[in-house]
Structure formats: structure tokens, C-alpha cells
C-alpha atoms as a PDB file:
ATOM      1  CA  MET A   1     -89.910 -92.954 -84.806  1.00  0.00           C
ATOM      2  CA  ILE A   2     -91.573 -96.292 -83.910  1.00  0.00           C
ATOM      3  CA  LEU A   3     -92.023 -98.817 -86.717  1.00  0.00           C
ATOM      4  CA  PRO A   4     -94.169-101.974 -86.942  1.00  0.00           C
ATOM      5  CA  ARG A   5     -92.170-105.197 -86.660  1.00  0.00           C
ATOM      6  CA  ARG A   6     -93.043-106.262 -90.251  1.00  0.00           C
ATOM      7  CA  CYS A   7     -92.531-102.828 -91.800  1.00  0.00           C
ATOM      8  CA  ASN A   8     -91.407-102.932 -95.474  1.00  0.00           C
ATOM      9  CA  LEU A   9     -87.999-101.211 -95.722  1.00  0.00           C
ATOM     10  CA  ASP A  10     -88.855 -99.851 -99.175  1.00  0.00           C
ATOM     11  CA  VAL A  11     -91.852 -98.100 -97.670  1.00  0.00           C
ATOM     12  CA  LEU A  12     -89.601 -96.713 -94.928  1.00  0.00           C
ATOM     13  CA  ASP A  13     -87.139 -95.332 -97.498  1.00  0.00           C
ATOM     14  CA  GLU A  14     -89.948 -93.622 -99.390  1.00  0.00           C
ATOM     15  CA  MET A  15     -91.302 -92.132 -96.169  1.00  0.00           C
ATOM     16  CA  LEU A  16     -87.898 -90.785 -95.127  1.00  0.00           C
ATOM     17  CA  GLU A  17     -87.267 -89.354 -98.590  1.00  0.00           C
ATOM     18  CA  SER A  18     -90.639 -87.591 -98.669  1.00  0.00           C
ATOM     19  CA  LYS A  19     -90.018 -86.101 -95.201  1.00  0.00           C
ATOM     20  CA  ALA A  20     -86.330 -85.303 -95.727  1.00  0.00           C
ATOM     21  CA  ARG A  21     -86.782 -81.528 -95.960  1.00  0.00           C
ATOM     22  CA  TRP A  22     -88.951 -81.446 -92.847  1.00  0.00           C
ATOM     23  CA  ILE A  23     -86.463 -83.604 -90.891  1.00  0.00           C
ATOM     24  CA  LEU A  24     -83.460 -81.450 -91.902  1.00  0.00           C
ATOM     25  CA  ASP A  25     -85.283 -78.245 -91.018  1.00  0.00           C
ATOM     26  CA  LYS A  26     -86.139 -79.614 -87.570  1.00  0.00           C
ATOM     27  CA  MET A  27     -82.543 -80.771 -87.019  1.00  0.00           C
ATOM     28  CA  ASP A  28     -81.180 -77.342 -87.997  1.00  0.00           C
ATOM     29  CA  ARG A  29     -83.619 -75.646 -85.639  1.00  0.00           C
ATOM     30  CA  PHE A  30     -82.672 -77.975 -82.776  1.00  0.00           C
ATOM     31  CA  VAL A  31     -78.930 -77.478 -83.261  1.00  0.00           C
ATOM     32  CA  GLY A  32     -79.332 -73.690 -83.460  1.00  0.00           C
ATOM     33  CA  GLN A  33     -81.395 -73.502 -80.300  1.00  0.00           C
ATOM     34  CA  ALA A  34     -79.192 -75.927 -78.386  1.00  0.00           C
ATOM     35  CA  GLN A  35     -76.156 -73.640 -78.555  1.00  0.00           C
ATOM     36  CA  PRO A  36     -75.735 -71.559 -75.377  1.00  0.00           C
ATOM     37  CA  ALA A  37     -76.210 -67.822 -75.857  1.00  0.00           C
ATOM     38  CA  GLY A  38     -73.019 -65.801 -75.905  1.00  0.00           C
ATOM     39  CA  ASN A  39     -70.638 -68.737 -76.500  1.00  0.00           C
ATOM     40  CA  GLY A  40     -69.637 -67.708 -80.008  1.00  0.00           C
ATOM     41  CA  ARG A  41     -67.945 -64.351 -80.448  1.00  0.00           C
ATOM     42  CA  LEU A  42     -68.163 -62.640 -83.809  1.00  0.00           C
ATOM     43  CA  ARG A  43     -65.194 -62.607 -86.153  1.00  0.00           C
ATOM     44  CA  PHE A  44     -64.363 -60.736 -89.317  1.00  0.00           C
ATOM     45  CA  GLY A  45     -65.871 -62.515 -92.290  1.00  0.00           C
ATOM     46  CA  ASP A  46     -68.952 -63.593 -90.314  1.00  0.00           C
ATOM     47  CA  ALA A  47     -72.408 -62.674 -91.580  1.00  0.00           C
ATOM     48  CA  VAL A  48     -74.900 -60.915 -89.302  1.00  0.00           C
ATOM     49  CA  LEU A  49     -78.438 -59.667 -89.850  1.00  0.00           C
ATOM     50  CA  TYR A  50     -79.676 -56.121 -90.267  1.00  0.00           C
ATOM     51  CA  LEU A  51     -83.402 -55.674 -90.945  1.00  0.00           C
ATOM     52  CA  GLY A  52     -83.534 -59.283 -92.077  1.00  0.00           C
ATOM     53  CA  GLN A  53     -80.685 -58.986 -94.606  1.00  0.00           C
ATOM     54  CA  GLU A  54     -77.339 -60.746 -94.238  1.00  0.00           C
ATOM     55  CA  VAL A  55     -74.385 -58.365 -94.102  1.00  0.00           C
ATOM     56  CA  ARG A  56     -70.733 -59.391 -94.000  1.00  0.00           C
ATOM     57  CA  ILE A  57     -68.351 -58.002 -91.350  1.00  0.00           C
ATOM     58  CA  VAL A  58     -65.204 -56.581 -92.947  1.00  0.00           C
ATOM     59  CA  SER A  59     -62.198 -55.144 -91.106  1.00  0.00           C
ATOM     60  CA  CYS A  60     -60.592 -51.804 -91.962  1.00  0.00           C
ATOM     61  CA  GLN A  61     -57.612 -51.642 -89.618  1.00  0.00           C
ATOM     62  CA  GLY A  62     -54.962 -49.019 -89.114  1.00  0.00           C
ATOM     63  CA  ILE A  63     -52.669 -47.632 -86.453  1.00  0.00           C
ATOM     64  CA  GLY A  64     -54.488 -44.939 -84.493  1.00  0.00           C
ATOM     65  CA  ALA A  65     -57.698 -45.418 -86.487  1.00  0.00           C
ATOM     66  CA  ALA A  66     -60.927 -44.221 -84.835  1.00  0.00           C
ATOM     67  CA  GLU A  67     -63.355 -46.987 -83.952  1.00  0.00           C
ATOM     68  CA  SER A  68     -66.509 -46.861 -86.087  1.00  0.00           C
ATOM     69  CA  VAL A  69     -68.883 -49.102 -88.017  1.00  0.00           C
ATOM     70  CA  GLU A  70     -70.428 -48.235 -91.396  1.00  0.00           C
ATOM     71  CA  LEU A  71     -72.923 -50.136 -93.520  1.00  0.00           C
ATOM     72  CA  HIS A  72     -72.245 -50.132 -97.267  1.00  0.00           C
ATOM     73  CA  GLY A  73     -74.779 -52.274 -99.097  1.00  0.00           C
ATOM     74  CA  ARG A  74     -74.294 -55.807 -97.783  1.00  0.00           C
ATOM     75  CA  THR A  75     -70.929 -54.992 -96.163  1.00  0.00           C
ATOM     76  CA  LEU A  76     -70.487 -53.886 -92.558  1.00  0.00           C
ATOM     77  CA  MET A  77     -67.152 -52.068 -92.504  1.00  0.00           C
ATOM     78  CA  VAL A  78     -65.518 -51.938 -89.062  1.00  0.00           C
ATOM     79  CA  HIS A  79     -62.826 -49.275 -88.698  1.00  0.00           C
ATOM     80  CA  ARG A  80     -60.608 -49.913 -85.693  1.00  0.00           C
ATOM     81  CA  ASP A  81     -57.122 -49.561 -84.308  1.00  0.00           C
ATOM     82  CA  LEU A  82     -54.860 -52.577 -84.760  1.00  0.00           C
ATOM     83  CA  GLY A  83     -54.775 -53.081 -81.003  1.00  0.00           C
ATOM     84  CA  TYR A  84     -58.541 -52.919 -80.450  1.00  0.00           C
ATOM     85  CA  PRO A  85     -59.717 -56.485 -79.765  1.00  0.00           C
ATOM     86  CA  ASP A  86     -63.419 -56.226 -78.826  1.00  0.00           C
ATOM     87  CA  LEU A  87     -65.398 -56.574 -82.049  1.00  0.00           C
ATOM     88  CA  ASP A  88     -68.624 -57.511 -80.231  1.00  0.00           C
ATOM     89  CA  SER A  89     -68.692 -54.226 -78.288  1.00  0.00           C
ATOM     90  CA  LEU A  90     -68.196 -52.150 -81.426  1.00  0.00           C
ATOM     91  CA  LEU A  91     -70.991 -53.979 -83.254  1.00  0.00           C
ATOM     92  CA  GLU A  92     -73.393 -53.876 -80.315  1.00  0.00           C
ATOM     93  CA  HIS A  93     -72.904 -50.115 -80.028  1.00  0.00           C
ATOM     94  CA  TRP A  94     -73.596 -49.737 -83.760  1.00  0.00           C
ATOM     95  CA  TYR A  95     -76.741 -51.893 -83.522  1.00  0.00           C
ATOM     96  CA  ARG A  96     -78.011 -49.881 -80.554  1.00  0.00           C
ATOM     97  CA  VAL A  97     -77.536 -46.603 -82.444  1.00  0.00           C
ATOM     98  CA  GLN A  98     -79.346 -47.984 -85.500  1.00  0.00           C
ATOM     99  CA  ALA A  99     -82.162 -49.387 -83.356  1.00  0.00           C
ATOM    100  CA  ALA A 100     -82.638 -46.060 -81.558  1.00  0.00           C
ATOM    101  CA  SER A 101     -82.890 -44.178 -84.854  1.00  0.00           C
ATOM    102  CA  VAL A 102     -85.030 -46.618 -86.854  1.00  0.00           C
ATOM    103  CA  LEU A 103     -87.374 -47.784 -84.099  1.00  0.00           C
ATOM    104  CA  GLU A 104     -88.076 -44.332 -82.673  1.00  0.00           C
ATOM    105  CA  GLN A 105     -88.929 -43.022 -86.123  1.00  0.00           C
ATOM    106  CA  LYS A 106     -91.360 -45.917 -86.603  1.00  0.00           C
ATOM    107  CA  ALA A 107     -92.819 -45.394 -83.117  1.00  0.00           C
ATOM    108  CA  SER A 108     -93.450 -41.714 -83.902  1.00  0.00           C
ATOM    109  CA  GLU A 109     -95.143 -42.565 -87.196  1.00  0.00           C
ATOM    110  CA  PHE A 110     -97.382 -45.262 -85.696  1.00  0.00           C
ATOM    111  CA  ALA A 111     -98.230 -43.070 -82.693  1.00  0.00           C
ATOM    112  CA  ALA A 112     -99.405 -40.335 -85.060  1.00  0.00           C
ATOM    113  CA  ALA A 113    -101.459 -42.870 -87.024  1.00  0.00           C
ATOM    114  CA  PHE A 114    -103.118 -44.160 -83.841  1.00  0.00           C
ATOM    115  CA  GLY A 115    -103.579 -40.661 -82.452  1.00  0.00           C
ATOM    116  CA  VAL A 116    -101.567 -41.352 -79.285  1.00  0.00           C
ATOM    117  CA  ARG A 117     -98.350 -40.107 -77.657  1.00  0.00           C
ATOM    118  CA  TYR A 118     -95.609 -41.883 -75.747  1.00  0.00           C
ATOM    119  CA  SER A 119     -93.816 -40.212 -72.868  1.00  0.00           C
ATOM    120  CA  ARG A 120     -90.392 -41.796 -73.265  1.00  0.00           C
ATOM    121  CA  PHE A 121     -88.472 -44.072 -75.660  1.00  0.00           C
ATOM    122  CA  SER A 122     -85.575 -46.368 -74.725  1.00  0.00           C
ATOM    123  CA  ILE A 123     -83.373 -49.061 -76.228  1.00  0.00           C
ATOM    124  CA  ARG A 124     -82.423 -51.894 -73.902  1.00  0.00           C
ATOM    125  CA  GLY A 125     -80.860 -55.355 -73.957  1.00  0.00           C
ATOM    126  CA  GLN A 126     -83.632 -57.414 -72.372  1.00  0.00           C
ATOM    127  CA  ARG A 127     -82.939 -61.144 -72.313  1.00  0.00           C
ATOM    128  CA  THR A 128     -86.562 -62.300 -72.358  1.00  0.00           C
ATOM    129  CA  ARG A 129     -88.577 -59.491 -73.985  1.00  0.00           C
ATOM    130  CA  TRP A 130     -88.537 -57.805 -77.362  1.00  0.00           C
ATOM    131  CA  ALA A 131     -90.449 -54.739 -76.300  1.00  0.00           C
ATOM    132  CA  SER A 132     -92.729 -53.269 -73.675  1.00  0.00           C
ATOM    133  CA  CYS A 133     -95.083 -50.368 -73.012  1.00  0.00           C
ATOM    134  CA  SER A 134     -95.423 -49.130 -69.441  1.00  0.00           C
ATOM    135  CA  HIS A 135     -98.534 -47.622 -67.877  1.00  0.00           C
ATOM    136  CA  LYS A 136     -96.663 -44.302 -67.865  1.00  0.00           C
ATOM    137  CA  GLY A 137     -96.339 -44.449 -71.643  1.00  0.00           C
ATOM    138  CA  THR A 138     -92.690 -45.498 -71.880  1.00  0.00           C
ATOM    139  CA  LEU A 139     -91.820 -47.590 -74.947  1.00  0.00           C
ATOM    140  CA  SER A 140     -88.797 -49.896 -74.578  1.00  0.00           C
ATOM    141  CA  PHE A 141     -87.292 -52.044 -77.329  1.00  0.00           C
ATOM    142  CA  ASN A 142     -84.614 -54.708 -77.447  1.00  0.00           C
ATOM    143  CA  TRP A 143     -81.785 -53.539 -79.722  1.00  0.00           C
ATOM    144  CA  ARG A 144     -81.577 -57.003 -81.316  1.00  0.00           C
ATOM    145  CA  LEU A 145     -85.003 -56.425 -82.862  1.00  0.00           C
ATOM    146  CA  ILE A 146     -83.244 -54.383 -85.567  1.00  0.00           C
ATOM    147  CA  MET A 147     -81.871 -57.693 -86.915  1.00  0.00           C
ATOM    148  CA  ALA A 148     -85.360 -58.977 -87.784  1.00  0.00           C
ATOM    149  CA  PRO A 149     -87.026 -58.405 -91.180  1.00  0.00           C
ATOM    150  CA  GLU A 150     -88.575 -54.948 -91.425  1.00  0.00           C
ATOM    151  CA  PRO A 151     -92.214 -56.177 -91.528  1.00  0.00           C
ATOM    152  CA  VAL A 152     -91.544 -58.004 -88.230  1.00  0.00           C
ATOM    153  CA  VAL A 153     -89.981 -54.850 -86.764  1.00  0.00           C
ATOM    154  CA  ASP A 154     -93.027 -52.850 -87.877  1.00  0.00           C
ATOM    155  CA  TYR A 155     -95.360 -55.352 -86.212  1.00  0.00           C
ATOM    156  CA  VAL A 156     -93.526 -55.220 -82.865  1.00  0.00           C
ATOM    157  CA  VAL A 157     -93.373 -51.413 -82.816  1.00  0.00           C
ATOM    158  CA  MET A 158     -97.027 -51.164 -83.831  1.00  0.00           C
ATOM    159  CA  HIS A 159     -97.985 -53.703 -81.156  1.00  0.00           C
ATOM    160  CA  GLU A 160     -96.417 -51.613 -78.402  1.00  0.00           C
ATOM    161  CA  VAL A 161     -97.780 -48.309 -79.720  1.00  0.00           C
ATOM    162  CA  ALA A 162    -101.266 -49.878 -79.813  1.00  0.00           C
ATOM    163  CA  HIS A 163    -100.897 -50.493 -76.063  1.00  0.00           C
ATOM    164  CA  LEU A 164    -100.907 -46.735 -75.575  1.00  0.00           C
ATOM    165  CA  LYS A 165    -104.535 -46.961 -76.641  1.00  0.00           C
ATOM    166  CA  GLU A 166    -105.427 -50.386 -75.227  1.00  0.00           C
ATOM    167  CA  MET A 167    -103.256 -51.536 -72.304  1.00  0.00           C
ATOM    168  CA  ASN A 168    -104.382 -55.167 -72.642  1.00  0.00           C
ATOM    169  CA  HIS A 169    -104.562 -58.087 -75.075  1.00  0.00           C
ATOM    170  CA  THR A 170    -108.328 -58.157 -75.527  1.00  0.00           C
ATOM    171  CA  LYS A 171    -110.094 -58.706 -78.850  1.00  0.00           C
ATOM    172  CA  ARG A 172    -110.404 -54.955 -79.156  1.00  0.00           C
ATOM    173  CA  PHE A 173    -106.599 -54.613 -78.910  1.00  0.00           C
ATOM    174  CA  TRP A 174    -105.961 -57.234 -81.591  1.00  0.00           C
ATOM    175  CA  ARG A 175    -108.531 -55.632 -83.892  1.00  0.00           C
ATOM    176  CA  LEU A 176    -106.629 -52.376 -83.491  1.00  0.00           C
ATOM    177  CA  VAL A 177    -103.372 -54.112 -84.483  1.00  0.00           C
ATOM    178  CA  ALA A 178    -105.020 -55.969 -87.387  1.00  0.00           C
ATOM    179  CA  GLU A 179    -106.337 -52.713 -88.856  1.00  0.00           C
ATOM    180  CA  ARG A 180    -102.782 -51.521 -89.434  1.00  0.00           C
ATOM    181  CA  CYS A 181    -101.044 -54.894 -89.747  1.00  0.00           C
ATOM    182  CA  PRO A 182    -103.311 -57.615 -91.244  1.00  0.00           C
ATOM    183  CA  SER A 183    -100.385 -60.105 -91.368  1.00  0.00           C
ATOM    184  CA  TRP A 184     -99.466 -59.722 -87.687  1.00  0.00           C
ATOM    185  CA  ARG A 185     -99.854 -63.468 -87.004  1.00  0.00           C
ATOM    186  CA  GLU A 186     -97.246 -64.263 -89.655  1.00  0.00           C
ATOM    187  CA  HIS A 187     -94.796 -61.735 -88.205  1.00  0.00           C
ATOM    188  CA  LYS A 188     -95.396 -62.946 -84.659  1.00  0.00           C
ATOM    189  CA  LYS A 189     -94.715 -66.532 -85.764  1.00  0.00           C
ATOM    190  CA  TRP A 190     -91.434 -65.475 -87.402  1.00  0.00           C
ATOM    191  CA  LEU A 191     -90.292 -63.925 -84.133  1.00  0.00           C
ATOM    192  CA  ASP A 192     -91.422 -66.989 -82.162  1.00  0.00           C
ATOM    193  CA  ASP A 193     -89.476 -69.244 -84.546  1.00  0.00           C
ATOM    194  CA  HIS A 194     -86.283 -67.168 -84.784  1.00  0.00           C
ATOM    195  CA  GLY A 195     -86.237 -65.180 -81.558  1.00  0.00           C
ATOM    196  CA  THR A 196     -83.856 -67.570 -79.806  1.00  0.00           C
ATOM    197  CA  GLU A 197     -81.284 -67.155 -82.587  1.00  0.00           C
ATOM    198  CA  LEU A 198     -81.459 -63.353 -82.453  1.00  0.00           C
ATOM    199  CA  ALA A 199     -81.307 -63.277 -78.656  1.00  0.00           C
ATOM    200  CA  ALA A 200     -78.070 -65.305 -78.717  1.00  0.00           C
ATOM    201  CA  VAL A 201     -76.168 -62.750 -80.822  1.00  0.00           C
ATOM    202  CA  MET A 202     -73.654 -60.830 -78.714  1.00  0.00           C
ATOM    203  CA  SER A 203     -75.562 -61.803 -75.595  1.00  0.00           C
ATOM    204  CA  SER A 204     -74.586 -59.553 -72.678  1.00  0.00           C
ATOM    205  CA  PRO A 205     -76.119 -58.264 -69.423  1.00  0.00           C
ATOM    206  CA  GLN A 206     -78.542 -55.317 -69.607  1.00  0.00           C
END
């Protein structure tokens, strides 16, 4: 911020106070995006996102226990053997399973609504893309998308299914999306604003 040489300090205080929320929000965003992806490993007690809701990771340990993850309300219960150290792998597997189930069901419903068919469905771990639709009709989705709020998830799935009808981003394509998702701009902005944070969770090669 550049101030005039004779700036009244009282005026400056008022300005800073009025903009305090905006300044703090920008600082939080900067700090979150400045952290390298994959540096922080998850620990028990941490909160993670599932369909936009915070859920708390809780450990259920025991000798010889089978590794599994179960969601109970806002609690993500991780059953594991006492000697099993890799929490990230267990959670990523659980997220991938949930993404495959939830996203494919949505893709099937939207495909029926648009009167189109996809040839193949896959869940991947792309570092730079949330989803894609190939010319052969293959729909691919990033498993981390399942962390986003459900309206955002719906928008992304609908966007890719719409490509089965219009393999472009022309006005005709966006009209097709808007017919089913009038608030698509809002959902796209949420993903633009928070995508970096989601992409950093349990970051690993494809």
C-alpha cells in the first residue's frame, strides 16, 4: 500500500479497520496456496472434507485388525492394525472408492437427462485437471473432486457429460450446461478459488 506523505493516521486506521476482513481473507488464501503440495501428512484428529463437509479422522486400532475406513456422520473411523503406519494410503483408497461410486452414479443420471452415453468411466489422480471427456466418450474424474461441495461436484460431472453432446466450449455448449445448472458460474468460481487446497491433499503421482 502506498500512502501520501501527509496522510492523516486516523484516516489510515479507519481504512485498515474497514478492510480488515478483506485483508485477513487474502492473507489466509496466500498462506494456504504457498504451502507445497504433499508436505503435510494427515494425522488422527485432523479434519478433511467429504462433499464439502468437514469430517474428523478417528483411529480404531487393534492387533490384527483389518484395514478399513467408515464414515459415521461427521466422523471418519479408520480401522487399522497397530503396526500399519500409512494413514494417507488408507484414506486415498477410501476417497477413490467413494468417488467411483458417487460420480459414476451422477454421470449416469446426467447422461440419461442429456440423452447421451459414455463409453467408459475412470477415477484418476490428475495433478492439473479435475475431469475430462475424450473424443471416444471416456469420462475421467479426479478423486479429490469428492471433497468439494455437492453442487460443485454436480457442475463438474454435468460439464463433462455435456461434452458428449458438444465437444467444445462454444455458446451452444454453455447454454446446454446452463439449462441444467443455472448457477454454474458460482460453482466454477468455488473450484477456481479452492482447487489448489484440494489438490494439495494427499498429493501423490497418478
